[in-house]
N, C-alpha and C. Protein backbone atom coordinates (compact mmCIF):
# COMPACT_ATOMS: atom_id res chain seq x y z
N MET A 1 31.13 9.45 85.94
CA MET A 1 31.02 10.54 86.17
C MET A 1 32.12 11.04 87.53
N SER A 2 32.59 12.13 87.48
CA SER A 2 33.55 12.44 88.00
C SER A 2 33.32 12.28 89.81
N ARG A 3 34.32 12.54 90.46
CA ARG A 3 34.46 12.38 91.84
C ARG A 3 34.65 13.57 92.83
N THR A 4 34.01 14.20 93.68
CA THR A 4 34.82 15.25 94.69
C THR A 4 35.38 14.30 95.63
N VAL A 5 36.77 15.27 96.13
CA VAL A 5 37.33 14.46 96.92
C VAL A 5 37.95 16.04 97.83
N SER A 6 38.43 15.92 98.71
CA SER A 6 38.94 17.06 99.67
C SER A 6 40.22 17.51 99.01
N LEU A 7 40.71 18.44 99.45
CA LEU A 7 41.60 18.97 98.59
C LEU A 7 43.35 18.28 99.08
N GLU A 8 43.27 17.55 100.34
CA GLU A 8 43.90 16.81 100.80
C GLU A 8 43.99 15.58 99.89
N GLU A 9 43.24 15.60 99.80
CA GLU A 9 42.95 13.80 98.88
C GLU A 9 43.60 14.37 97.36
N LEU A 10 43.00 15.12 97.11
CA LEU A 10 43.53 15.63 95.75
C LEU A 10 45.06 15.44 95.71
N LYS A 11 45.95 16.49 96.53
CA LYS A 11 46.97 16.51 96.65
C LYS A 11 47.82 14.89 96.62
N ALA A 12 46.82 14.30 97.21
CA ALA A 12 47.45 13.02 97.62
C ALA A 12 47.60 12.16 96.49
N LEU A 13 46.80 12.49 95.60
CA LEU A 13 46.65 11.82 94.21
C LEU A 13 47.98 12.01 93.11
N VAL A 14 49.01 13.14 93.53
CA VAL A 14 49.74 13.35 92.78
C VAL A 14 50.69 12.19 92.48
N GLY A 15 50.93 11.65 91.15
CA GLY A 15 51.96 10.70 91.18
C GLY A 15 51.34 9.68 90.50
N GLN A 16 50.02 9.47 90.39
CA GLN A 16 49.32 8.21 90.07
C GLN A 16 48.29 8.59 88.93
N GLU A 17 47.73 7.65 88.57
CA GLU A 17 47.39 7.06 87.24
C GLU A 17 45.81 7.25 87.39
N ILE A 18 45.02 7.98 86.77
CA ILE A 18 43.32 8.02 86.41
C ILE A 18 42.99 7.47 85.33
N GLY A 19 41.80 6.94 85.42
CA GLY A 19 41.38 6.19 83.87
C GLY A 19 41.65 4.64 84.08
N PRO A 20 41.56 4.26 82.73
CA PRO A 20 41.54 5.03 81.67
C PRO A 20 39.73 4.99 81.36
N SER A 21 39.97 6.09 80.54
CA SER A 21 38.34 6.70 79.89
C SER A 21 37.85 5.32 79.12
N ASP A 22 36.54 5.75 78.90
CA ASP A 22 35.58 4.80 77.96
C ASP A 22 36.38 4.96 76.56
N TRP A 23 36.00 3.88 75.80
CA TRP A 23 36.64 4.42 74.38
C TRP A 23 35.70 5.24 73.66
N LEU A 24 36.15 5.88 72.60
CA LEU A 24 35.41 6.92 71.79
C LEU A 24 35.88 6.40 70.43
N THR A 25 34.78 6.48 69.39
CA THR A 25 35.25 6.25 68.13
C THR A 25 35.50 7.66 67.21
N ILE A 26 36.42 7.37 66.75
CA ILE A 26 36.53 8.54 65.73
C ILE A 26 36.23 8.04 64.15
N ASP A 27 35.04 8.52 63.94
CA ASP A 27 34.40 8.05 62.61
C ASP A 27 34.75 9.18 61.76
N GLN A 28 34.43 8.70 60.55
CA GLN A 28 34.53 9.51 58.98
C GLN A 28 33.60 10.68 59.38
N SER A 29 32.62 10.65 59.96
CA SER A 29 31.17 11.86 60.30
C SER A 29 31.84 13.00 61.29
N ARG A 30 32.53 12.18 62.22
CA ARG A 30 33.27 13.25 62.86
C ARG A 30 34.22 13.89 62.45
N ILE A 31 35.19 13.44 62.17
CA ILE A 31 36.48 13.86 61.36
C ILE A 31 35.79 15.24 59.78
N ASP A 32 34.81 14.67 59.50
CA ASP A 32 34.50 15.52 58.34
C ASP A 32 33.57 17.01 59.14
N THR A 33 32.96 16.59 60.54
CA THR A 33 32.56 17.83 60.90
C THR A 33 33.39 18.68 61.25
N PHE A 34 34.70 18.03 62.34
CA PHE A 34 35.77 18.77 62.60
C PHE A 34 36.28 19.66 61.21
N ALA A 35 36.25 18.97 60.21
CA ALA A 35 37.09 19.80 59.02
C ALA A 35 36.12 21.01 58.92
N ASP A 36 34.90 20.95 58.76
CA ASP A 36 33.69 21.62 58.48
C ASP A 36 33.48 23.15 59.44
N VAL A 37 33.71 22.68 60.95
CA VAL A 37 34.02 23.93 61.99
C VAL A 37 35.31 24.45 61.94
N THR A 38 36.65 23.74 61.71
CA THR A 38 37.76 24.46 61.81
C THR A 38 38.07 25.02 60.24
N GLU A 39 37.82 24.56 59.37
CA GLU A 39 37.97 24.95 57.80
C GLU A 39 39.52 24.59 57.43
N ASP A 40 39.47 23.25 57.63
CA ASP A 40 40.85 22.56 57.30
C ASP A 40 40.09 21.31 56.47
N HIS A 41 40.07 21.41 55.28
CA HIS A 41 39.87 20.23 54.41
C HIS A 41 41.06 19.62 54.06
N GLN A 42 41.95 19.34 54.29
CA GLN A 42 43.34 18.72 53.69
C GLN A 42 42.58 17.40 53.24
N PHE A 43 43.01 17.14 52.38
CA PHE A 43 42.23 15.70 51.71
C PHE A 43 42.77 14.35 52.60
N ILE A 44 44.12 14.50 53.28
CA ILE A 44 44.15 13.13 54.05
C ILE A 44 43.43 13.11 55.16
N HIS A 45 42.01 14.06 55.29
CA HIS A 45 41.02 14.05 56.49
C HIS A 45 40.18 13.71 55.76
N VAL A 46 39.41 14.30 54.58
CA VAL A 46 38.14 14.32 54.18
C VAL A 46 37.85 13.69 52.58
N ASP A 47 38.91 13.15 52.30
CA ASP A 47 38.97 12.34 50.93
C ASP A 47 39.49 11.31 50.84
N PRO A 48 38.68 10.18 51.30
CA PRO A 48 38.91 8.93 51.37
C PRO A 48 39.66 8.03 50.43
N GLU A 49 39.45 8.48 48.69
CA GLU A 49 39.91 7.97 47.91
C GLU A 49 41.19 8.21 47.86
N ALA A 50 41.48 10.01 47.91
CA ALA A 50 42.93 10.27 47.58
C ALA A 50 43.72 9.64 48.75
N ALA A 51 43.27 9.90 50.08
CA ALA A 51 44.06 9.63 51.22
C ALA A 51 44.11 7.88 51.35
N ALA A 52 43.72 7.03 50.57
CA ALA A 52 44.12 6.09 50.40
C ALA A 52 45.21 5.88 49.39
N LYS A 53 45.51 6.69 48.99
CA LYS A 53 47.12 6.57 48.09
C LYS A 53 48.19 6.86 48.94
N THR A 54 48.10 7.73 50.22
CA THR A 54 48.94 7.74 51.00
C THR A 54 49.53 6.65 52.07
N PRO A 55 50.73 6.99 52.88
CA PRO A 55 50.97 5.88 53.59
C PRO A 55 50.16 5.20 54.79
N PHE A 56 49.02 6.36 54.94
CA PHE A 56 48.04 6.18 55.91
C PHE A 56 47.14 5.21 55.34
N GLY A 57 47.14 4.75 54.36
CA GLY A 57 45.81 3.94 53.51
C GLY A 57 44.67 4.14 53.73
N GLY A 58 44.33 5.75 54.38
CA GLY A 58 42.90 5.94 54.16
C GLY A 58 43.02 7.45 55.15
N THR A 59 41.36 7.77 55.17
CA THR A 59 41.49 9.16 55.90
C THR A 59 42.09 9.08 57.65
N ILE A 60 42.41 10.01 58.01
CA ILE A 60 43.13 10.27 59.69
C ILE A 60 42.32 11.36 60.09
N ALA A 61 42.35 11.15 61.29
CA ALA A 61 41.63 12.48 62.31
C ALA A 61 42.72 13.74 62.21
N HIS A 62 41.89 14.74 62.48
CA HIS A 62 43.10 15.96 62.46
C HIS A 62 43.89 15.87 64.03
N GLY A 63 44.71 16.26 64.26
CA GLY A 63 45.51 16.23 65.47
C GLY A 63 44.74 16.85 66.54
N PHE A 64 44.06 18.30 66.09
CA PHE A 64 43.21 19.04 66.66
C PHE A 64 42.26 18.31 67.27
N LEU A 65 41.56 17.50 66.52
CA LEU A 65 40.38 17.17 66.60
C LEU A 65 40.78 15.82 68.14
N THR A 66 41.76 15.23 67.96
CA THR A 66 42.04 13.97 68.82
C THR A 66 42.14 15.05 70.27
N LEU A 67 42.80 15.89 70.43
CA LEU A 67 43.35 17.14 71.58
C LEU A 67 42.01 17.83 71.52
N SER A 68 41.05 18.04 70.84
CA SER A 68 39.86 18.40 71.60
C SER A 68 38.84 17.63 72.04
N LEU A 69 39.12 16.59 72.22
CA LEU A 69 38.13 15.51 72.05
C LEU A 69 38.86 15.22 73.82
N LEU A 70 39.86 15.92 74.23
CA LEU A 70 40.29 15.31 75.91
C LEU A 70 39.22 15.59 76.97
N SER A 71 38.67 16.74 76.78
CA SER A 71 37.35 17.07 77.74
C SER A 71 36.38 15.74 77.86
N ALA A 72 36.04 15.23 76.34
CA ALA A 72 35.02 14.02 76.40
C ALA A 72 35.63 12.99 76.81
N MET A 73 37.14 12.73 76.94
CA MET A 73 37.48 11.41 77.08
C MET A 73 38.21 11.34 78.81
N VAL A 74 37.59 12.67 79.64
CA VAL A 74 37.99 12.56 80.84
C VAL A 74 37.21 11.25 81.59
N PRO A 75 38.51 10.42 82.02
CA PRO A 75 38.16 9.30 82.99
C PRO A 75 36.56 9.70 83.89
N ASP A 76 36.36 8.15 84.16
CA ASP A 76 34.99 8.50 85.25
C ASP A 76 35.29 8.69 86.41
N ASP A 77 36.35 8.45 86.77
CA ASP A 77 37.19 8.76 88.16
C ASP A 77 37.72 9.68 88.30
N TYR A 78 37.57 10.56 87.64
CA TYR A 78 38.24 12.24 87.54
C TYR A 78 38.15 12.91 88.80
N PRO A 79 38.94 13.40 89.58
CA PRO A 79 38.71 13.63 90.51
C PRO A 79 38.40 15.19 90.52
N LEU A 80 37.77 15.81 91.12
CA LEU A 80 37.44 17.36 91.42
C LEU A 80 37.23 17.99 93.10
N PRO A 81 37.71 18.98 93.06
CA PRO A 81 37.83 19.31 94.46
C PRO A 81 36.57 19.44 95.36
N GLU A 82 36.42 19.35 96.54
CA GLU A 82 35.13 19.25 97.17
C GLU A 82 34.67 20.87 96.87
N ASN A 83 33.19 21.33 96.63
CA ASN A 83 33.34 22.68 96.61
C ASN A 83 33.49 23.38 95.52
N VAL A 84 33.66 22.65 94.24
CA VAL A 84 34.26 23.46 93.13
C VAL A 84 33.14 23.79 92.42
N ALA A 85 33.24 25.31 92.09
CA ALA A 85 32.53 26.19 91.47
C ALA A 85 32.33 26.25 90.09
N MET A 86 33.90 25.64 89.51
CA MET A 86 34.13 25.59 87.98
C MET A 86 35.14 25.24 87.61
N GLY A 87 35.52 24.51 86.62
CA GLY A 87 36.45 24.13 86.31
C GLY A 87 36.95 24.75 84.83
N VAL A 88 38.27 25.15 84.57
CA VAL A 88 38.56 25.50 83.11
C VAL A 88 39.65 25.23 82.61
N ASN A 89 39.98 24.87 81.41
CA ASN A 89 41.31 24.33 80.86
C ASN A 89 42.31 25.58 80.92
N TYR A 90 43.30 25.09 81.35
CA TYR A 90 44.45 26.43 81.40
C TYR A 90 45.27 26.24 80.23
N GLY A 91 45.36 25.43 79.81
CA GLY A 91 46.51 24.96 78.28
C GLY A 91 47.36 23.75 78.53
N PHE A 92 48.20 24.14 77.73
CA PHE A 92 48.94 22.92 77.28
C PHE A 92 50.62 23.48 77.68
N ASP A 93 51.63 22.42 78.20
CA ASP A 93 52.85 23.01 78.12
C ASP A 93 53.43 22.02 77.05
N LYS A 94 53.07 20.99 76.62
CA LYS A 94 53.53 19.98 75.92
C LYS A 94 52.58 19.43 75.14
N VAL A 95 52.41 19.42 74.19
CA VAL A 95 51.44 18.44 72.80
C VAL A 95 52.14 17.78 71.81
N ARG A 96 52.42 16.56 71.70
CA ARG A 96 52.98 15.65 70.43
C ARG A 96 51.88 14.50 70.37
N PHE A 97 51.42 14.84 68.74
CA PHE A 97 50.67 13.89 67.85
C PHE A 97 51.86 12.90 67.35
N VAL A 98 51.66 11.80 68.39
CA VAL A 98 52.28 10.70 68.14
C VAL A 98 52.44 9.67 66.65
N GLN A 99 50.87 9.29 66.98
CA GLN A 99 50.62 8.61 66.03
C GLN A 99 49.30 8.91 65.22
N PRO A 100 48.98 9.02 64.10
CA PRO A 100 47.79 9.18 63.23
C PRO A 100 46.27 8.40 63.92
N VAL A 101 45.38 8.79 64.06
CA VAL A 101 44.28 8.06 64.15
C VAL A 101 43.53 7.68 62.88
N ARG A 102 43.47 6.88 62.39
CA ARG A 102 42.60 6.24 61.30
C ARG A 102 40.93 6.58 61.52
N SER A 103 40.45 6.93 60.64
CA SER A 103 39.13 6.77 60.58
C SER A 103 38.71 5.52 60.72
N GLY A 104 37.69 5.35 61.97
CA GLY A 104 36.89 3.91 62.38
C GLY A 104 37.59 3.80 63.45
N GLN A 105 38.59 4.07 64.07
CA GLN A 105 39.71 3.70 65.11
C GLN A 105 38.88 4.18 66.36
N ARG A 106 39.01 3.39 67.75
CA ARG A 106 38.99 3.94 69.05
C ARG A 106 39.64 4.48 69.83
N VAL A 107 39.56 5.49 70.58
CA VAL A 107 40.61 6.18 71.16
C VAL A 107 40.09 6.30 72.69
N ARG A 108 40.93 6.20 74.00
CA ARG A 108 40.86 6.54 75.42
C ARG A 108 41.77 7.01 75.79
N SER A 109 41.48 7.64 77.14
CA SER A 109 42.66 8.54 77.97
C SER A 109 43.05 8.16 78.86
N ARG A 110 44.42 8.36 79.25
CA ARG A 110 44.71 7.86 80.91
C ARG A 110 45.29 9.34 81.07
N LEU A 111 45.26 9.65 82.21
CA LEU A 111 45.81 10.49 82.89
C LEU A 111 46.96 10.41 84.34
N LYS A 112 47.36 11.01 84.56
CA LYS A 112 48.27 10.50 85.58
C LYS A 112 48.32 12.13 86.27
N LEU A 113 48.41 12.23 87.74
CA LEU A 113 48.31 13.89 87.83
C LEU A 113 49.90 14.17 88.26
N LEU A 114 50.57 15.46 87.89
CA LEU A 114 51.74 15.48 87.96
C LEU A 114 51.74 16.37 89.16
N ALA A 115 51.01 17.39 89.37
CA ALA A 115 51.00 18.56 90.18
C ALA A 115 49.71 18.56 90.33
N PHE A 116 49.72 19.44 91.94
CA PHE A 116 48.22 20.39 92.22
C PHE A 116 48.70 20.87 93.06
N GLU A 117 48.69 22.53 93.07
CA GLU A 117 49.16 23.53 93.49
C GLU A 117 47.83 24.58 93.35
N GLU A 118 47.86 25.30 94.92
CA GLU A 118 47.08 26.57 95.12
C GLU A 118 47.80 27.55 94.19
N ARG A 119 47.30 28.26 93.34
CA ARG A 119 47.52 29.48 92.57
C ARG A 119 47.26 30.66 93.18
N ALA A 120 45.68 30.87 93.80
CA ALA A 120 45.70 32.13 94.63
C ALA A 120 44.58 31.37 95.19
N PRO A 121 44.38 32.35 96.37
CA PRO A 121 43.02 31.86 97.00
C PRO A 121 41.77 31.20 96.40
N LYS A 122 41.27 30.24 96.62
CA LYS A 122 40.12 29.39 95.97
C LYS A 122 40.61 29.06 94.68
N GLN A 123 41.90 28.82 94.04
CA GLN A 123 42.19 28.38 92.95
C GLN A 123 43.10 27.51 92.64
N TYR A 124 42.99 26.42 92.44
CA TYR A 124 43.75 25.39 92.47
C TYR A 124 44.43 24.78 90.61
N GLN A 125 45.49 24.57 90.79
CA GLN A 125 45.74 24.39 89.30
C GLN A 125 46.51 22.65 89.35
N SER A 126 46.12 21.77 88.29
CA SER A 126 46.55 20.48 88.19
C SER A 126 47.10 20.57 86.62
N ARG A 127 48.37 19.61 86.85
CA ARG A 127 49.04 19.46 85.67
C ARG A 127 48.86 17.78 85.34
N TRP A 128 48.50 17.77 84.43
CA TRP A 128 48.39 16.15 84.09
C TRP A 128 49.04 15.59 82.98
N ASP A 129 49.66 14.87 83.18
CA ASP A 129 50.14 13.98 81.56
C ASP A 129 49.02 12.87 81.45
N VAL A 130 48.84 13.30 80.16
CA VAL A 130 47.97 12.66 79.27
C VAL A 130 48.39 11.68 78.01
N THR A 131 47.45 10.65 77.91
CA THR A 131 48.05 9.56 76.88
C THR A 131 47.06 9.16 76.11
N VAL A 132 46.78 9.79 75.12
CA VAL A 132 45.88 9.07 74.15
C VAL A 132 45.93 7.78 73.57
N GLU A 133 45.47 6.58 73.75
CA GLU A 133 45.41 5.49 73.15
C GLU A 133 44.58 5.14 72.05
N ILE A 134 45.37 4.58 71.33
CA ILE A 134 44.54 3.82 70.28
C ILE A 134 44.49 2.38 70.07
N GLU A 135 42.93 1.95 70.40
CA GLU A 135 42.79 0.90 70.44
C GLU A 135 43.44 -0.38 69.35
N GLY A 136 44.30 -1.34 70.25
CA GLY A 136 45.01 -2.08 69.65
C GLY A 136 46.83 -1.67 68.44
N GLY A 137 46.66 -0.16 69.18
CA GLY A 137 47.91 0.29 68.56
C GLY A 137 49.05 0.15 69.60
N GLU A 138 50.06 -0.05 69.04
CA GLU A 138 51.50 0.25 69.88
C GLU A 138 52.13 1.37 70.27
N LYS A 139 51.53 2.65 69.51
CA LYS A 139 52.05 3.78 70.12
C LYS A 139 50.69 4.62 70.13
N PRO A 140 50.96 5.61 70.93
CA PRO A 140 49.75 6.44 71.39
C PRO A 140 49.36 7.64 70.30
N ALA A 141 48.06 7.84 70.15
CA ALA A 141 47.66 9.27 69.52
C ALA A 141 48.35 10.22 70.11
N LEU A 142 48.48 10.31 71.08
CA LEU A 142 48.90 11.72 71.51
C LEU A 142 49.47 11.70 72.82
N LYS A 143 50.27 12.90 73.06
CA LYS A 143 51.01 12.73 74.69
C LYS A 143 51.14 14.41 74.79
N ALA A 144 50.34 14.51 76.23
CA ALA A 144 50.66 15.91 76.33
C ALA A 144 50.60 16.69 78.35
N GLU A 145 51.32 17.84 78.05
CA GLU A 145 50.86 18.15 79.68
C GLU A 145 49.68 19.05 79.60
N TRP A 146 48.55 18.62 80.36
CA TRP A 146 47.39 19.66 80.27
C TRP A 146 47.30 20.10 81.89
N LEU A 147 46.84 21.43 81.52
CA LEU A 147 46.92 22.01 82.92
C LEU A 147 45.35 22.69 82.77
N THR A 148 44.62 22.26 83.98
CA THR A 148 43.64 22.86 84.10
C THR A 148 43.30 23.78 85.70
N LEU A 149 42.58 24.40 85.25
CA LEU A 149 42.10 25.64 86.96
C LEU A 149 40.66 24.90 87.69
N ALA A 150 40.41 24.85 88.85
CA ALA A 150 39.41 24.69 89.26
C ALA A 150 39.42 25.57 90.55
N PHE A 151 37.98 26.35 90.57
CA PHE A 151 37.77 27.37 91.31
C PHE A 151 36.78 26.90 92.47
N VAL A 152 37.05 27.17 93.23
CA VAL A 152 36.27 26.46 94.41
C VAL A 152 35.76 27.84 95.51
N GLN A 153 34.24 27.10 95.92
CA GLN A 153 33.92 28.45 96.87
C GLN A 153 34.18 28.42 98.34
């Protein structure tokens, strides 16, 4: 569960790692559902027999599926400013899909707060260095710089 901290405490977290999150399983059902929602039915995601003949050795998650699950992989100790009215995704400055996630693998995130700045009165932007790890993997699934906005009352 997220924790609330003062604005000063949040600023003091710049440079520190938050997490890791809990592990999240990327199973074939989740991959198939994402393929249906995004209408991306490329065989490497949804056809186990054909995907087994590729260098991946089986189906893999869409990179955008892994990216979309960042919200689900926010670590339990994710800091929110006191009196936050809402938080929103502002976007990404960098995203790299480093290693494919095979069906059945588990992933988790680690966040490092790179910056925390006031953008407008009662509006604060955070810049996060994000790494999505694959359980037992040597390389991460994803590296990104994630921007979020917090609106405080």
